[in-house]
C-alpha atoms as a PDB file:
ATOM      1  CA  MET A   1    -101.888 -82.228-138.085  1.00  0.00           C
ATOM      2  CA  ILE A   2    -104.110 -80.093-140.960  1.00  0.00           C
ATOM      3  CA  GLU A   3    -107.444 -79.295-139.565  1.00  0.00           C
ATOM      4  CA  VAL A   4    -110.258 -77.865-142.269  1.00  0.00           C
ATOM      5  CA  ASP A   5    -113.211 -76.776-140.419  1.00  0.00           C
ATOM      6  CA  VAL A   6    -116.199 -76.213-142.715  1.00  0.00           C
ATOM      7  CA  ARG A   7    -119.147 -76.014-140.515  1.00  0.00           C
ATOM      8  CA  GLY A   8    -121.582 -74.269-141.389  1.00  0.00           C
ATOM      9  CA  PHE A   9    -120.837 -74.403-145.400  1.00  0.00           C
ATOM     10  CA  SER A  10    -122.715 -76.318-148.010  1.00  0.00           C
ATOM     11  CA  CYS A  11    -121.123 -78.421-150.844  1.00  0.00           C
ATOM     12  CA  PRO A  12    -119.273 -77.496-152.503  1.00  0.00           C
ATOM     13  CA  ILE A  13    -116.978 -75.937-150.517  1.00  0.00           C
ATOM     14  CA  PRO A  14    -116.107 -78.587-147.988  1.00  0.00           C
ATOM     15  CA  VAL A  15    -114.775 -80.664-150.830  1.00  0.00           C
ATOM     16  CA  VAL A  16    -113.431 -77.638-152.327  1.00  0.00           C
ATOM     17  CA  ARG A  17    -111.628 -76.663-148.980  1.00  0.00           C
ATOM     18  CA  THR A  18    -110.514 -80.218-148.342  1.00  0.00           C
ATOM     19  CA  LYS A  19    -109.025 -80.254-151.864  1.00  0.00           C
ATOM     20  CA  LYS A  20    -106.968 -77.769-150.801  1.00  0.00           C
ATOM     21  CA  ALA A  21    -105.778 -78.779-148.078  1.00  0.00           C
ATOM     22  CA  ILE A  22    -105.187 -82.572-149.714  1.00  0.00           C
ATOM     23  CA  GLU A  23    -102.968 -80.774-152.532  1.00  0.00           C
ATOM     24  CA  GLU A  24    -101.361 -78.253-150.397  1.00  0.00           C
ATOM     25  CA  ASN A  25    -100.148 -80.911-147.542  1.00  0.00           C
ATOM     26  CA  PRO A  26    -100.024 -84.071-149.853  1.00  0.00           C
ATOM     27  CA  ASN A  27     -98.378 -86.669-147.138  1.00  0.00           C
ATOM     28  CA  GLU A  28    -100.065 -85.365-144.312  1.00  0.00           C
ATOM     29  CA  PRO A  29    -103.177 -86.481-142.414  1.00  0.00           C
ATOM     30  CA  ILE A  30    -105.949 -83.815-142.245  1.00  0.00           C
ATOM     31  CA  THR A  31    -108.670 -83.606-139.984  1.00  0.00           C
ATOM     32  CA  VAL A  32    -112.319 -82.406-141.395  1.00  0.00           C
ATOM     33  CA  LEU A  33    -115.303 -81.043-139.215  1.00  0.00           C
ATOM     34  CA  VAL A  34    -119.019 -81.155-141.098  1.00  0.00           C
ATOM     35  CA  GLU A  35    -122.350 -80.631-139.878  1.00  0.00           C
ATOM     36  CA  SER A  36    -124.209 -82.695-142.502  1.00  0.00           C
ATOM     37  CA  ALA A  37    -124.118 -86.230-143.650  1.00  0.00           C
ATOM     38  CA  VAL A  38    -124.485 -84.968-147.564  1.00  0.00           C
ATOM     39  CA  SER A  39    -120.917 -82.744-146.919  1.00  0.00           C
ATOM     40  CA  LYS A  40    -119.387 -86.349-144.708  1.00  0.00           C
ATOM     41  CA  GLU A  41    -120.689 -88.106-147.982  1.00  0.00           C
ATOM     42  CA  ASN A  42    -118.787 -85.906-150.402  1.00  0.00           C
ATOM     43  CA  VAL A  43    -115.285 -85.058-148.589  1.00  0.00           C
ATOM     44  CA  SER A  44    -115.459 -88.875-148.177  1.00  0.00           C
ATOM     45  CA  ARG A  45    -115.464 -89.536-151.667  1.00  0.00           C
ATOM     46  CA  LEU A  46    -113.525 -87.465-152.458  1.00  0.00           C
ATOM     47  CA  ALA A  47    -110.731 -88.591-150.107  1.00  0.00           C
ATOM     48  CA  GLN A  48    -110.940 -91.899-151.169  1.00  0.00           C
ATOM     49  CA  SER A  49    -110.343 -90.773-155.019  1.00  0.00           C
ATOM     50  CA  LYS A  50    -107.411 -89.523-153.510  1.00  0.00           C
ATOM     51  CA  GLY A  51    -106.141 -93.070-151.814  1.00  0.00           C
ATOM     52  CA  TYR A  52    -106.724 -91.611-147.920  1.00  0.00           C
ATOM     53  CA  SER A  53    -108.322 -93.580-145.501  1.00  0.00           C
ATOM     54  CA  ILE A  54    -111.010 -92.082-143.356  1.00  0.00           C
ATOM     55  CA  ASN A  55    -112.122 -92.702-139.983  1.00  0.00           C
ATOM     56  CA  VAL A  56    -115.847 -90.943-139.270  1.00  0.00           C
ATOM     57  CA  GLU A  57    -116.822 -90.037-135.735  1.00  0.00           C
ATOM     58  CA  GLU A  58    -120.485 -88.107-134.708  1.00  0.00           C
ATOM     59  CA  THR A  59    -120.222 -85.465-132.534  1.00  0.00           C
ATOM     60  CA  SER A  60    -122.591 -83.282-131.329  1.00  0.00           C
ATOM     61  CA  ASP A  61    -122.420 -81.186-134.016  1.00  0.00           C
ATOM     62  CA  GLY A  62    -121.681 -83.087-137.165  1.00  0.00           C
ATOM     63  CA  TYR A  63    -119.091 -84.943-138.008  1.00  0.00           C
ATOM     64  CA  ARG A  64    -114.811 -85.169-137.755  1.00  0.00           C
ATOM     65  CA  LEU A  65    -113.507 -86.908-140.696  1.00  0.00           C
ATOM     66  CA  SER A  66    -109.961 -88.040-140.066  1.00  0.00           C
ATOM     67  CA  LEU A  67    -108.363 -88.816-143.300  1.00  0.00           C
ATOM     68  CA  SER A  68    -104.555 -90.588-143.877  1.00  0.00           C
ATOM     69  CA  PRO A  69    -102.719 -90.342-146.395  1.00  0.00           C
ATOM     70  CA  PRO A  70    -101.834 -93.910-148.534  1.00  0.00           C
ATOM     71  CA  GLY A  71     -98.966 -95.625-147.066  1.00  0.00           C
ATOM     72  CA  LYS A  72     -99.559 -93.957-143.678  1.00  0.00           C
END
């Protein structure tokens, strides 16, 4: 599984790095770690636009987004 840790970064960095991970690993599940609700929403929007399903888990220091590629 691919993990993108963008805690400590503000947008657009979390979206840019998630997009890069999606493009480089097209059929792999990806975990994205963010710390703000804004980043969570922006990354979720990107993933949905690419057809990914998203599971959001609140953590002590932000959110863990599990992105599953289409058809997985």
